Amino acid sequence: MIAKINSGKETAGLIRYLFDTKKAKDHTNPHLVASWDGFAPDPGRTADDDTRKLLVADLDLHVKQARRLGRAPEQHVWHCSLRAAPEDRILSDEEWAGIARRVVAATGIAPEGDPDGCRWVAVRHAPDHIHIAATKVRADLRTARHWNDYRTADRELAAIEKEYGLLQVVRGDRTAAKRPTRAEQEKARRAGQDKPARERLRTTVRTAVAAASSMEEFVHLLSHLDGVLVEVVYFPSGDVRGYKVTAEDTTTAGNEPVWFSGSELAPDLSFPKIRKRLENIDPQPAGQPGRRRPNPWHQATAAAERIPHHLDQADDEASQAHLAAFGEALDALPLLAPQALRPQLREAANAFERATRSRIQAEHHHARALRGAVRAMVHAPASRDSAILAMLLDAAILVVIAGARWHQLRHHDQQVAAAHQSLLHLQAAYDQAAAAPLAALAQRRPPQQAVDRQIGRLRQVVPEHAEQIIEDPAFAALTAALAEAEAAGHDPKRLLQQVADQRALDDARRPARVLTWRIQRLSARPVPSARARAAQARSTARVGSAAQRPDAPDHTAAAVPVQQPPQARRR
C-alpha cells in the first residue's frame, strides 16, 4: 500500500473532485468511509450540492476561526491518497476506515485520543484506494504538527500491510528519482512517446555524464544531441550555478519549453554532484614508444572485477562510490555495443540507476580507475572484438549480484529490487554477446590428449568445481583458451590458480564461461619473466605459510547468507 500526500488552498475544490462522477469517469459510488467524529455529512449518500457545501463548511470551520486571528496557514488543505497493490484483496469500507484513522493519527493530523485534532474525512470512490481530505487547523486553532508526514504514513502502512495480510511494498529511502506526474504520462501517451520527457531526459543526461571527462565536455555533448536543448544557468558573479534541459517535443499549452533542472531528473544529476564525479577520473596513460597502449576495455573489466572485493570491506562510502561508477559504466555501454544488444543494455542501465544511490554518501575518489577506463572506452576507436564486450558483461553480472547483496545487508529494499531487475537484462545481453566468441573458441579445441591434461590441472586447482566445469557446455572453449595461453608461453596451471584466487566460483552457474574470459584476458598480457615467476612463487608461499599459522587471521569466513531470487544466480 502506498501513500501520496499533497497540500492545497481550497477545500471545496478537493471535495468537489472526490465526489465527481461526470468528469472523472473512473469514480464510482463515491462515499465517506470515516470522518473526524463519525457524523460528517456524506454528499455521496444524498447526491446534492447542499450536502457537499455543508461538508466543506464543517471541514473549514476552524480554518475560518483561525483566519480571523491571522493564524491560518495559506496551504490549509491536507490531502492523502492511500492505494492498495493490484495483487491485494478488495478491502471493505470498515477496513479502509480503520486504515484511515491510523494514518491521520500517525501523521499528526488527528492524534489518537486528542479531542482537538484536525477535521478530516476519508472518501472512497474506487475499489482499490481512498482519499483523506483534512484541514490543518486544530480545534484549539493551532496548526497541526505533521512534519515528515510521508515517512510516518509510510511506516504505518508497512505495519498495516503485515497485519492485514497485504502485499508488502518495497520501500525506499527517499533517494529515488522523482517519478513522472500523471499529467506528464498522459502527455507522453498523447504524443506517441513510450516514456515521458522526464525519463527520456534522465537517460540522456546520465549517458552524457558517463561519456564526459569534464563539465565543459558534458555541456558540449548535451548541446549537440538531437531533440535536446540545454541551458547553463549562472550566478550574478558569472560562476556556473547549474543547468537545465528540455526535450524539443515537450512544450506547455503556450508552446513554451518544459525545463528540468538536473536535480529534478535525479538527486545525483545536479550540477554540483556531476562536477564532483567528473573531478574524480583517472587520466589514461599515454602510449610510449615501443609499448602497446593498455586496452581500456581490459582496464574497465579489471576494475569491475575488483568491485565485489571492495563491497566486502567496511568502508560504506567507498562501496557506494564504486557502485555509482559502475552505474556510469552501464550507462556508457549502449553507446559502444552492437545495435542488437543496445535495448537490453539500456534497460539494464536504467534499472541499475536506482541501485547507484542510497543514504550513504559516496566518496567518489575511490572509483577513479573505473571512471577513467570508461571514458577511454568511449573515446577509443570502435572495437569489433565481441569477446571483450562479453568479458566486461561477465564481470558486470558478478558486480550486480554483489551489489544486490551489499544493499540487502543494509536493508535498501528498492536498490535490491533494482539490481535484480538489471541482472535479468544483463544476463540476456551477455548470452547474446558471448555466443559467437565462445563458439569460435570451441572450434579451436585442442586434441584429446591436451584436454586430458587440462582436466588434470582443473582437478588440482579447483577440485570442488572441476566436475561442474567439465560438464559445462563452454568447457571446449575453456580448453582452447588454456591451450592458446600455453602456446603463447604462459603456464596454464598458474593461470588457473590466479583466476581461482581472484574470483570465487560459488555463484557461478556456468563456471567454464567465467574461467574462459578470465584466462583470455590474463593471457593477453606479456609472459612473465623467470625472475617475476620466482618472485610470485615466493609471495604465494609466504601467504600460504601465514595462513597456516594458528594466529593467522581468517580471511575465509563464510559470507552472511542473503536470499536471492532464482534469477540472481550467476551463469
Protein backbone atom coordinates (compact mmCIF):
# COMPACT_ATOMS: atom_id res chain seq x y z
CA MET A 1 0.00 0.00 0.00
CA ILE A 2 1.36 3.41 -0.92
CA ALA A 3 0.55 6.95 0.21
CA LYS A 4 0.70 10.19 -1.72
CA ILE A 5 0.42 13.43 0.25
CA ASN A 6 -0.17 16.96 -1.03
CA SER A 7 -1.18 20.34 0.37
CA GLY A 8 -3.61 22.86 -1.11
CA LYS A 9 -5.60 26.05 -0.57
CA GLU A 10 -9.15 25.09 -1.50
CA THR A 11 -11.21 22.62 0.48
CA ALA A 12 -14.24 22.99 -1.81
CA GLY A 13 -12.24 22.10 -4.93
CA LEU A 14 -10.85 18.92 -3.39
CA ILE A 15 -14.26 17.75 -2.11
CA ARG A 16 -15.81 18.54 -5.49
CA TYR A 17 -13.20 16.37 -7.24
CA LEU A 18 -13.53 13.46 -4.80
CA PHE A 19 -17.30 13.19 -5.28
CA ASP A 20 -17.36 13.97 -9.01
CA THR A 21 -18.57 11.19 -11.33
CA LYS A 22 -19.05 13.18 -14.54
CA LYS A 23 -15.62 14.49 -15.43
CA ALA A 24 -13.81 11.74 -13.51
CA LYS A 25 -15.18 8.68 -15.29
CA ASP A 26 -13.24 6.26 -13.07
CA HIS A 27 -15.05 7.47 -9.92
CA THR A 28 -17.83 5.06 -8.95
CA ASN A 29 -20.12 5.28 -5.94
CA PRO A 30 -18.16 7.95 -4.03
CA HIS A 31 -18.99 7.95 -0.32
CA LEU A 32 -17.47 8.55 3.09
CA VAL A 33 -15.99 5.60 4.95
CA ALA A 34 -14.83 7.58 8.01
CA SER A 35 -14.61 11.10 9.41
CA TRP A 36 -13.25 13.01 12.39
CA ASP A 37 -16.33 12.37 14.55
CA GLY A 38 -18.21 9.70 12.58
CA PHE A 39 -21.11 12.06 11.86
CA ALA A 40 -19.88 14.20 8.94
CA PRO A 41 -22.45 14.85 6.16
CA ASP A 42 -21.93 12.48 3.22
CA PRO A 43 -22.57 14.01 -0.26
CA GLY A 44 -22.25 10.54 -1.75
CA ARG A 45 -25.35 9.31 0.06
CA THR A 46 -27.57 12.31 -0.66
CA ALA A 47 -26.20 13.32 -4.10
CA ASP A 48 -26.98 17.02 -3.71
CA ASP A 49 -24.85 20.17 -3.69
CA ASP A 50 -26.19 21.37 -0.35
CA THR A 51 -24.71 18.40 1.47
CA ARG A 52 -21.35 18.93 -0.23
CA LYS A 53 -21.36 22.61 0.80
CA LEU A 54 -22.26 21.63 4.32
CA LEU A 55 -19.34 19.19 4.46
CA VAL A 56 -16.94 21.86 3.18
CA ALA A 57 -18.22 24.33 5.78
CA ASP A 58 -17.74 21.79 8.58
CA LEU A 59 -14.19 21.00 7.45
CA ASP A 60 -13.30 24.70 7.16
CA LEU A 61 -14.81 25.76 10.50
CA HIS A 62 -11.54 26.01 12.44
CA VAL A 63 -9.72 27.44 9.42
CA LYS A 64 -12.11 30.38 9.27
CA GLN A 65 -11.82 30.94 13.01
CA ALA A 66 -8.03 30.94 12.84
CA ARG A 67 -8.08 33.22 9.79
CA ARG A 68 -9.91 35.90 11.75
CA LEU A 69 -7.00 35.83 14.18
CA GLY A 70 -4.44 35.82 11.36
CA ARG A 71 -3.23 32.34 12.32
CA ALA A 72 -4.47 30.13 9.47
CA PRO A 73 -1.84 28.64 7.14
CA GLU A 74 -2.12 29.59 3.48
CA GLN A 75 -1.94 25.93 2.40
CA HIS A 76 -4.58 24.73 4.84
CA VAL A 77 -5.74 21.58 2.99
CA TRP A 78 -4.05 18.21 3.64
CA HIS A 79 -4.76 15.54 1.01
CA CYS A 80 -3.56 11.96 1.34
CA SER A 81 -4.42 9.17 -1.10
CA LEU A 82 -3.91 5.55 0.00
CA ARG A 83 -3.79 2.89 -2.71
CA ALA A 84 -3.65 -0.87 -2.33
CA ALA A 85 -1.50 -3.00 -4.61
CA PRO A 86 -3.19 -4.66 -7.62
CA GLU A 87 -2.44 -8.05 -6.05
CA ASP A 88 -4.25 -7.18 -2.81
CA ARG A 89 -7.77 -8.33 -1.97
CA ILE A 90 -10.61 -5.80 -2.06
CA LEU A 91 -10.83 -4.19 1.37
CA SER A 92 -14.19 -3.43 2.98
CA ASP A 93 -15.34 0.07 3.93
CA GLU A 94 -14.77 -0.82 7.59
CA GLU A 95 -11.19 -1.89 6.89
CA TRP A 96 -10.47 1.30 4.93
CA ALA A 97 -12.00 3.32 7.79
CA GLY A 98 -9.62 1.71 10.28
CA ILE A 99 -6.65 2.34 7.99
CA ALA A 100 -7.63 6.00 7.56
CA ARG A 101 -7.86 6.53 11.33
CA ARG A 102 -4.42 5.02 11.84
CA VAL A 103 -2.85 7.20 9.13
CA VAL A 104 -4.29 10.51 10.40
CA ALA A 105 -3.16 9.56 13.92
CA ALA A 106 0.35 8.56 12.82
CA THR A 107 0.89 11.70 10.74
CA GLY A 108 -0.21 14.12 13.46
CA ILE A 109 -3.37 15.29 11.69
CA ALA A 110 -5.63 13.75 14.34
CA PRO A 111 -3.55 12.03 17.04
CA GLU A 112 -5.35 9.21 18.81
CA GLY A 113 -7.14 10.41 21.94
CA ASP A 114 -6.67 14.10 21.08
CA PRO A 115 -10.06 15.89 21.21
CA ASP A 116 -8.58 18.91 19.43
CA GLY A 117 -7.35 17.03 16.37
CA CYS A 118 -7.96 18.33 12.85
CA ARG A 119 -11.19 17.68 10.98
CA TRP A 120 -10.90 15.07 8.23
CA VAL A 121 -12.92 12.72 6.04
CA ALA A 122 -12.00 9.56 4.14
CA VAL A 123 -13.67 9.19 0.72
CA ARG A 124 -13.85 6.00 -1.31
CA HIS A 125 -14.71 6.26 -4.99
CA ALA A 126 -12.90 3.15 -6.31
CA PRO A 127 -12.34 -0.40 -5.04
CA ASP A 128 -8.58 -0.08 -4.55
CA HIS A 129 -8.00 3.30 -2.89
CA ILE A 130 -9.33 6.05 -0.64
CA HIS A 131 -8.62 9.77 -0.24
CA ILE A 132 -8.26 11.51 3.09
CA ALA A 133 -9.17 15.22 2.98
CA ALA A 134 -8.31 17.24 6.08
CA THR A 135 -7.88 20.84 7.14
CA LYS A 136 -4.69 21.60 9.07
CA VAL A 137 -6.16 23.84 11.79
CA ARG A 138 -6.94 22.08 15.07
CA ALA A 139 -9.88 22.83 17.37
CA ASP A 140 -7.54 24.84 19.60
CA LEU A 141 -6.74 26.90 16.46
CA ARG A 142 -3.13 25.75 16.35
CA THR A 143 -1.71 24.37 13.09
CA ALA A 144 -1.24 20.60 13.08
CA ARG A 145 2.29 19.28 13.61
CA HIS A 146 2.59 16.96 10.62
CA TRP A 147 6.25 17.23 9.71
CA ASN A 148 7.67 14.19 7.90
CA ASP A 149 4.10 13.04 7.32
CA TYR A 150 5.08 10.97 4.30
CA ARG A 151 7.60 8.97 6.35
CA THR A 152 5.28 8.45 9.27
CA ALA A 153 2.44 7.42 6.96
CA ASP A 154 4.77 5.02 5.15
CA ARG A 155 5.88 3.40 8.41
CA GLU A 156 2.27 2.97 9.48
CA LEU A 157 1.34 1.46 6.11
CA ALA A 158 4.20 -1.05 6.42
CA ALA A 159 2.67 -2.24 9.72
CA ILE A 160 -0.82 -2.28 8.17
CA GLU A 161 0.36 -4.47 5.30
CA LYS A 162 1.60 -7.11 7.74
CA GLU A 163 -1.49 -7.01 9.95
CA TYR A 164 -3.97 -7.12 7.05
CA GLY A 165 -2.02 -9.71 5.04
CA LEU A 166 -1.45 -7.33 2.13
CA LEU A 167 1.45 -7.18 -0.32
CA GLN A 168 4.48 -5.77 1.50
CA VAL A 169 5.62 -2.99 -0.79
CA VAL A 170 9.35 -2.44 -1.40
CA ARG A 171 10.05 0.84 0.36
CA GLY A 172 12.70 3.40 -0.44
CA ASP A 173 15.00 5.77 1.40
CA ARG A 174 13.88 8.94 -0.42
CA THR A 175 16.88 8.89 -2.76
CA ALA A 176 14.92 7.67 -5.79
CA ALA A 177 14.50 9.84 -8.85
CA LYS A 178 11.19 11.70 -8.99
CA ARG A 179 8.52 9.79 -10.89
CA PRO A 180 6.74 11.41 -13.83
CA THR A 181 3.46 13.03 -12.85
CA ARG A 182 0.18 11.71 -14.19
CA ALA A 183 -0.02 14.77 -16.47
CA GLU A 184 3.45 14.00 -17.88
CA GLN A 185 2.46 10.39 -18.54
CA GLU A 186 -0.75 11.41 -20.28
CA LYS A 187 1.13 13.96 -22.38
CA ALA A 188 3.63 11.33 -23.50
CA ARG A 189 0.83 8.92 -24.36
CA ARG A 190 -0.94 11.53 -26.50
CA ALA A 191 2.33 12.35 -28.27
CA GLY A 192 3.00 8.67 -29.02
CA GLN A 193 6.11 8.60 -26.82
CA ASP A 194 6.95 5.38 -25.00
CA LYS A 195 8.28 7.32 -21.98
CA PRO A 196 7.59 10.79 -20.51
CA ALA A 197 10.11 13.55 -21.22
CA ARG A 198 11.45 13.42 -17.66
CA GLU A 199 12.52 9.77 -18.02
CA ARG A 200 13.95 10.21 -21.52
CA LEU A 201 15.97 13.24 -20.43
CA ARG A 202 17.22 11.41 -17.34
CA THR A 203 18.63 8.63 -19.52
CA THR A 204 20.15 11.15 -21.92
CA VAL A 205 21.86 13.15 -19.17
CA ARG A 206 23.19 10.01 -17.47
CA THR A 207 24.68 8.85 -20.77
CA ALA A 208 26.33 12.24 -21.29
CA VAL A 209 27.83 12.11 -17.78
CA ALA A 210 29.21 8.64 -18.47
CA ALA A 211 30.90 9.84 -21.68
CA ALA A 212 32.23 13.19 -20.43
CA SER A 213 35.57 13.88 -18.75
CA SER A 214 34.80 17.46 -17.69
CA MET A 215 31.83 19.75 -17.13
CA GLU A 216 32.65 21.57 -20.37
CA GLU A 217 32.54 18.32 -22.32
CA PHE A 218 29.32 17.32 -20.54
CA VAL A 219 27.55 20.53 -21.62
CA HIS A 220 29.03 20.20 -25.13
CA LEU A 221 27.73 16.63 -25.50
CA LEU A 222 24.24 17.58 -24.32
CA SER A 223 24.03 20.60 -26.61
CA HIS A 224 24.87 18.50 -29.69
CA LEU A 225 22.26 15.79 -29.11
CA ASP A 226 19.26 15.76 -31.42
CA GLY A 227 15.99 16.69 -29.77
CA VAL A 228 17.60 18.04 -26.57
CA LEU A 229 18.07 21.67 -25.56
CA VAL A 230 20.41 22.61 -22.71
CA GLU A 231 20.84 25.92 -20.92
CA VAL A 232 23.58 26.75 -18.42
CA VAL A 233 22.42 28.92 -15.50
CA TYR A 234 24.85 31.46 -13.98
CA PHE A 235 25.14 33.36 -10.71
CA PRO A 236 25.34 37.17 -10.93
CA SER A 237 29.09 36.75 -10.35
CA GLY A 238 29.37 34.83 -13.59
CA ASP A 239 30.04 31.46 -11.93
CA VAL A 240 28.04 28.49 -13.15
CA ARG A 241 25.04 27.80 -10.94
CA GLY A 242 23.61 24.79 -12.73
CA TYR A 243 21.98 23.60 -15.92
CA LYS A 244 18.55 22.70 -17.22
CA VAL A 245 17.41 20.59 -20.14
CA THR A 246 14.27 20.11 -22.17
CA ALA A 247 13.09 17.89 -24.99
CA GLU A 248 12.21 19.76 -28.16
CA ASP A 249 8.92 17.86 -28.43
CA THR A 250 7.82 18.85 -24.89
CA THR A 251 6.08 22.22 -24.57
CA THR A 252 3.36 23.83 -22.49
CA ALA A 253 -0.06 24.86 -23.81
CA GLY A 254 1.53 28.22 -24.67
CA ASN A 255 4.21 26.48 -26.74
CA GLU A 256 6.87 27.19 -24.09
CA PRO A 257 9.55 24.53 -23.41
CA VAL A 258 9.24 22.49 -20.20
CA TRP A 259 12.63 22.72 -18.49
CA PHE A 260 14.03 20.27 -15.94
CA SER A 261 17.00 21.03 -13.73
CA GLY A 262 19.44 18.19 -13.10
CA SER A 263 18.18 17.64 -9.55
CA GLU A 264 14.61 17.36 -10.87
CA LEU A 265 15.72 14.44 -13.04
CA ALA A 266 17.59 12.59 -10.27
CA PRO A 267 19.29 13.52 -6.99
CA ASP A 268 22.76 12.68 -8.37
CA LEU A 269 22.32 14.67 -11.61
CA SER A 270 22.55 18.11 -10.01
CA PHE A 271 25.38 20.30 -11.28
CA PRO A 272 27.49 20.10 -8.08
CA LYS A 273 27.20 16.30 -7.85
CA ILE A 274 28.08 15.75 -11.52
CA ARG A 275 31.07 18.10 -11.15
CA LYS A 276 32.27 16.16 -8.11
CA ARG A 277 32.18 12.90 -10.04
CA LEU A 278 33.92 14.32 -13.10
CA GLU A 279 36.69 15.71 -10.92
CA ASN A 280 37.48 12.14 -9.81
CA ILE A 281 38.59 10.44 -13.03
CA ASP A 282 41.99 8.81 -13.51
CA PRO A 283 43.73 10.11 -16.67
CA GLN A 284 44.61 7.33 -19.04
CA PRO A 285 48.34 6.70 -19.61
CA ALA A 286 49.68 7.87 -22.96
CA GLY A 287 51.22 5.35 -25.26
CA GLN A 288 55.01 5.05 -25.04
CA PRO A 289 57.33 4.27 -27.95
CA GLY A 290 57.74 0.55 -28.31
CA ARG A 291 54.98 -0.23 -25.80
CA ARG A 292 51.39 -1.09 -26.56
CA ARG A 293 48.80 1.22 -25.03
CA PRO A 294 46.62 -0.57 -22.43
CA ASN A 295 43.26 -1.75 -23.75
CA PRO A 296 40.62 0.36 -21.94
CA TRP A 297 38.10 -2.50 -22.16
CA HIS A 298 40.51 -4.76 -20.29
CA GLN A 299 41.15 -1.98 -17.76
CA ALA A 300 37.41 -1.47 -17.21
CA THR A 301 36.91 -5.23 -16.81
CA ALA A 302 39.75 -5.44 -14.29
CA ALA A 303 38.33 -2.50 -12.32
CA ALA A 304 34.85 -4.06 -12.36
CA GLU A 305 36.20 -7.41 -11.17
CA ARG A 306 37.64 -5.71 -8.09
CA ILE A 307 34.31 -4.16 -7.06
CA PRO A 308 32.92 -7.25 -5.24
CA HIS A 309 36.09 -7.25 -3.13
CA HIS A 310 35.60 -3.55 -2.34
CA LEU A 311 32.00 -4.21 -1.33
CA ASP A 312 33.18 -6.76 1.23
CA GLN A 313 35.17 -4.08 3.08
CA ALA A 314 33.90 -1.94 5.95
CA ASP A 315 34.09 1.39 4.07
CA ASP A 316 30.47 2.00 3.01
CA GLU A 317 31.23 5.39 1.44
CA ALA A 318 33.84 3.80 -0.82
CA SER A 319 31.47 0.93 -1.70
CA GLN A 320 28.74 3.39 -2.66
CA ALA A 321 31.24 5.22 -4.88
CA HIS A 322 32.18 2.01 -6.70
CA LEU A 323 28.50 1.23 -7.36
CA ALA A 324 27.95 4.75 -8.70
CA ALA A 325 30.95 4.43 -11.03
CA PHE A 326 29.74 1.02 -12.17
CA GLY A 327 26.36 2.59 -12.96
CA GLU A 328 28.19 5.04 -15.24
CA ALA A 329 29.85 2.11 -17.00
CA LEU A 330 26.43 0.58 -17.67
CA ASP A 331 25.19 3.97 -18.93
CA ALA A 332 28.05 4.07 -21.45
CA LEU A 333 27.68 0.53 -22.80
CA PRO A 334 24.69 1.22 -25.11
CA LEU A 335 26.92 3.74 -26.94
CA LEU A 336 29.56 1.10 -27.58
CA ALA A 337 27.73 -2.19 -28.04
CA PRO A 338 26.36 -3.66 -31.29
CA GLN A 339 22.88 -2.46 -32.21
CA ALA A 340 21.24 -5.78 -31.34
CA LEU A 341 22.44 -5.60 -27.72
CA ARG A 342 21.57 -1.98 -27.03
CA PRO A 343 17.93 -2.42 -25.91
CA GLN A 344 18.84 -4.94 -23.20
CA LEU A 345 21.87 -2.91 -22.08
CA ARG A 346 19.83 0.28 -21.93
CA GLU A 347 17.19 -1.43 -19.80
CA ALA A 348 19.93 -2.85 -17.54
CA ALA A 349 21.41 0.62 -17.06
CA ASN A 350 18.03 2.23 -16.43
CA ALA A 351 17.15 -0.41 -13.83
CA PHE A 352 20.52 -0.27 -12.04
CA GLU A 353 20.30 3.54 -11.82
CA ARG A 354 18.25 3.13 -8.63
CA ALA A 355 20.98 0.95 -7.10
CA THR A 356 23.65 3.64 -7.57
CA ARG A 357 22.25 5.82 -4.76
CA SER A 358 21.36 5.43 -1.11
CA ARG A 359 21.53 7.50 2.06
CA ILE A 360 25.23 6.62 2.21
CA GLN A 361 27.22 9.46 0.67
CA ALA A 362 29.66 8.22 -1.97
CA GLU A 363 33.32 9.26 -1.75
CA HIS A 364 33.97 9.30 -5.47
CA HIS A 365 37.78 9.41 -5.35
CA HIS A 366 37.73 5.68 -4.55
CA ALA A 367 36.41 4.82 -8.04
CA ARG A 368 38.71 6.91 -10.23
CA ALA A 369 40.16 3.92 -12.14
CA LEU A 370 36.85 2.59 -13.48
CA ARG A 371 35.68 6.08 -14.48
CA GLY A 372 38.91 6.72 -16.36
CA ALA A 373 38.70 3.38 -18.19
CA VAL A 374 35.07 4.01 -19.20
CA ARG A 375 35.93 7.43 -20.68
CA ALA A 376 38.83 5.85 -22.57
CA MET A 377 36.47 3.19 -23.96
CA VAL A 378 34.10 5.90 -25.19
CA HIS A 379 36.85 7.86 -26.93
CA ALA A 380 38.74 4.84 -28.33
CA PRO A 381 38.09 3.59 -31.87
CA ALA A 382 35.18 1.17 -32.05
CA SER A 383 36.23 -2.40 -31.37
CA ARG A 384 34.98 -5.29 -33.46
CA ASP A 385 36.08 -7.88 -30.93
CA SER A 386 32.85 -9.19 -29.41
CA ALA A 387 34.83 -11.18 -26.85
CA ILE A 388 35.93 -8.06 -24.93
CA LEU A 389 32.31 -6.97 -24.53
CA ALA A 390 31.41 -10.45 -23.28
CA MET A 391 34.30 -10.27 -20.79
CA LEU A 392 33.05 -6.96 -19.41
CA LEU A 393 29.46 -8.20 -19.19
CA ASP A 394 30.68 -11.32 -17.42
CA ALA A 395 32.33 -9.13 -14.77
CA ALA A 396 29.30 -6.81 -14.67
CA ILE A 397 26.96 -9.65 -13.74
CA LEU A 398 29.12 -10.51 -10.74
CA VAL A 399 29.13 -6.84 -9.70
CA VAL A 400 25.33 -6.65 -9.84
CA ILE A 401 24.97 -9.80 -7.72
CA ALA A 402 27.47 -8.43 -5.20
CA GLY A 403 25.72 -5.04 -5.27
CA ALA A 404 22.34 -6.64 -4.54
CA ARG A 405 23.87 -8.49 -1.59
CA TRP A 406 25.53 -5.29 -0.29
CA HIS A 407 22.27 -3.34 -0.46
CA GLN A 408 20.26 -6.16 1.10
CA LEU A 409 22.54 -6.32 4.12
CA ARG A 410 21.78 -2.62 4.63
CA HIS A 411 18.02 -3.03 4.08
CA HIS A 412 17.98 -0.92 0.90
CA ASP A 413 14.90 -2.68 -0.48
CA GLN A 414 14.37 -0.60 -3.62
CA GLN A 415 18.02 -0.87 -4.58
CA VAL A 416 17.93 -4.66 -4.18
CA ALA A 417 14.90 -4.91 -6.45
CA ALA A 418 16.58 -2.63 -9.00
CA ALA A 419 19.75 -4.75 -9.02
CA HIS A 420 17.75 -7.94 -9.56
CA GLN A 421 15.85 -6.32 -12.44
CA SER A 422 19.10 -5.10 -14.00
CA LEU A 423 20.58 -8.58 -13.69
CA LEU A 424 17.87 -10.09 -15.91
CA HIS A 425 18.71 -7.68 -18.75
CA LEU A 426 22.47 -8.08 -18.31
CA GLN A 427 22.22 -11.86 -18.47
CA ALA A 428 20.17 -11.62 -21.67
CA ALA A 429 22.73 -9.26 -23.22
CA TYR A 430 25.60 -11.46 -22.09
CA ASP A 431 24.06 -14.59 -23.62
CA GLN A 432 23.83 -12.77 -26.96
CA ALA A 433 27.32 -11.28 -26.78
CA ALA A 434 29.06 -14.47 -25.65
CA ALA A 435 27.54 -16.90 -28.15
CA ALA A 436 29.76 -16.14 -31.17
CA PRO A 437 33.17 -15.83 -29.44
CA LEU A 438 32.55 -18.96 -27.36
CA ALA A 439 31.55 -20.90 -30.48
CA ALA A 440 34.68 -19.68 -32.30
CA LEU A 441 36.89 -20.76 -29.38
CA ALA A 442 35.18 -24.16 -29.16
CA GLN A 443 36.06 -24.81 -32.80
CA ARG A 444 39.74 -24.48 -31.85
CA ARG A 445 39.50 -27.13 -29.13
CA PRO A 446 42.89 -28.92 -28.76
CA PRO A 447 43.43 -32.68 -29.20
CA GLN A 448 42.05 -35.00 -26.54
CA GLN A 449 45.49 -35.58 -25.02
CA ALA A 450 45.78 -31.82 -24.31
CA VAL A 451 42.21 -31.77 -22.99
CA ASP A 452 43.06 -34.57 -20.53
CA ARG A 453 45.99 -32.51 -19.23
CA GLN A 454 43.69 -29.52 -18.70
CA ILE A 455 41.22 -31.74 -16.81
CA GLY A 456 44.04 -32.89 -14.53
CA ARG A 457 45.02 -29.27 -13.81
CA LEU A 458 41.41 -28.33 -13.05
CA ARG A 459 41.10 -31.17 -10.53
CA GLN A 460 44.25 -29.96 -8.82
CA VAL A 461 43.41 -26.24 -8.73
CA VAL A 462 39.62 -26.19 -8.24
CA PRO A 463 38.69 -29.72 -7.16
CA GLU A 464 35.32 -28.65 -5.70
CA HIS A 465 34.21 -27.20 -9.06
CA ALA A 466 36.06 -29.44 -11.51
CA GLU A 467 33.19 -31.75 -12.46
CA GLN A 468 30.78 -28.84 -12.93
CA ILE A 469 33.32 -27.11 -15.19
CA ILE A 470 33.93 -30.24 -17.27
CA GLU A 471 30.18 -30.72 -17.83
CA ASP A 472 29.67 -27.06 -18.78
CA PRO A 473 28.85 -26.56 -22.50
CA ALA A 474 31.58 -23.87 -22.57
CA PHE A 475 34.28 -26.38 -21.48
CA ALA A 476 35.53 -26.78 -25.06
CA ALA A 477 36.08 -23.02 -25.27
CA LEU A 478 37.96 -23.10 -21.94
CA THR A 479 40.33 -25.83 -23.13
CA ALA A 480 41.02 -23.83 -26.29
CA ALA A 481 41.76 -20.69 -24.23
CA LEU A 482 44.13 -22.63 -21.98
CA ALA A 483 45.88 -24.26 -24.96
CA GLU A 484 46.38 -20.91 -26.68
CA ALA A 485 47.72 -19.38 -23.47
CA GLU A 486 50.17 -22.27 -23.14
CA ALA A 487 51.27 -21.83 -26.74
CA ALA A 488 51.94 -18.14 -26.01
CA GLY A 489 54.31 -19.12 -23.20
CA HIS A 490 52.01 -18.93 -20.16
CA ASP A 491 51.80 -21.63 -17.51
CA PRO A 492 48.17 -22.94 -17.70
CA LYS A 493 48.17 -24.20 -14.13
CA ARG A 494 49.46 -20.86 -12.83
CA LEU A 495 46.79 -19.01 -14.84
CA LEU A 496 44.07 -21.26 -13.44
CA GLN A 497 45.37 -20.70 -9.92
CA GLN A 498 45.45 -16.95 -10.48
CA VAL A 499 41.86 -16.96 -11.73
CA ALA A 500 40.64 -19.14 -8.88
CA ASP A 501 42.34 -16.90 -6.31
CA GLN A 502 40.85 -13.73 -7.74
CA ARG A 503 37.27 -14.82 -8.34
CA ALA A 504 35.10 -17.22 -6.39
CA LEU A 505 33.03 -19.64 -8.44
CA ASP A 506 30.37 -20.31 -5.82
CA ASP A 507 27.81 -18.04 -7.51
CA ALA A 508 28.61 -19.33 -10.99
CA ARG A 509 26.03 -21.45 -12.76
CA ARG A 510 28.34 -21.66 -15.82
CA PRO A 511 31.85 -21.64 -14.28
CA ALA A 512 33.60 -22.61 -17.53
CA ARG A 513 32.47 -19.31 -19.07
CA VAL A 514 33.84 -17.40 -16.09
CA LEU A 515 37.22 -19.10 -16.37
CA THR A 516 37.37 -18.74 -20.16
CA TRP A 517 37.07 -14.94 -20.18
CA ARG A 518 39.46 -14.54 -17.30
CA ILE A 519 42.06 -16.81 -18.91
CA GLN A 520 41.74 -14.97 -22.21
CA ARG A 521 42.25 -11.58 -20.61
CA LEU A 522 45.22 -12.64 -18.47
CA SER A 523 46.89 -14.48 -21.33
CA ALA A 524 46.77 -11.28 -23.40
CA ARG A 525 49.38 -9.83 -21.04
CA PRO A 526 53.11 -10.32 -21.70
CA VAL A 527 54.52 -13.62 -20.45
CA PRO A 528 56.19 -13.01 -17.07
CA SER A 529 59.96 -13.42 -16.92
CA ALA A 530 61.64 -16.17 -14.92
CA ARG A 531 62.57 -13.65 -12.22
CA ALA A 532 58.96 -12.44 -12.00
CA ARG A 533 57.66 -16.00 -11.76
CA ALA A 534 60.14 -16.77 -8.96
CA ALA A 535 59.08 -13.65 -7.04
CA GLN A 536 55.42 -14.58 -7.45
CA ALA A 537 56.10 -18.11 -6.22
CA ARG A 538 57.89 -16.79 -3.11
CA SER A 539 54.94 -14.42 -2.43
CA THR A 540 52.44 -17.25 -2.78
CA ALA A 541 54.50 -19.43 -0.43
CA ARG A 542 54.64 -16.70 2.22
CA VAL A 543 50.84 -16.20 2.02
CA GLY A 544 50.29 -19.96 2.32
CA SER A 545 52.56 -20.34 5.35
CA ALA A 546 50.95 -17.32 7.06
CA ALA A 547 47.50 -18.79 6.52
CA GLN A 548 48.60 -22.00 8.24
CA ARG A 549 49.75 -20.24 11.43
CA PRO A 550 47.32 -20.65 14.35
CA ASP A 551 47.27 -16.91 14.95
CA ALA A 552 46.70 -16.02 11.31
CA PRO A 553 43.52 -14.04 10.63
CA ASP A 554 40.73 -15.98 8.99
CA HIS A 555 40.07 -14.48 5.55
CA THR A 556 37.78 -17.31 4.52
CA ALA A 557 34.91 -16.71 6.92
CA ALA A 558 31.58 -17.55 5.41
CA ALA A 559 29.72 -14.62 3.92
CA VAL A 560 26.47 -13.52 5.51
CA PRO A 561 23.77 -15.58 3.79
CA VAL A 562 21.44 -13.44 1.70
CA GLN A 563 18.37 -14.72 -0.04
CA GLN A 564 18.35 -14.15 -3.78
CA PRO A 565 15.65 -14.88 -6.30
CA PRO A 566 16.43 -17.65 -8.79
CA GLN A 567 17.22 -15.04 -11.46
CA ALA A 568 20.04 -13.66 -9.32
CA ARG A 569 22.14 -16.80 -9.69
CA ARG A 570 25.07 -16.37 -11.93
CA ARG A 571 25.52 -18.01 -15.27
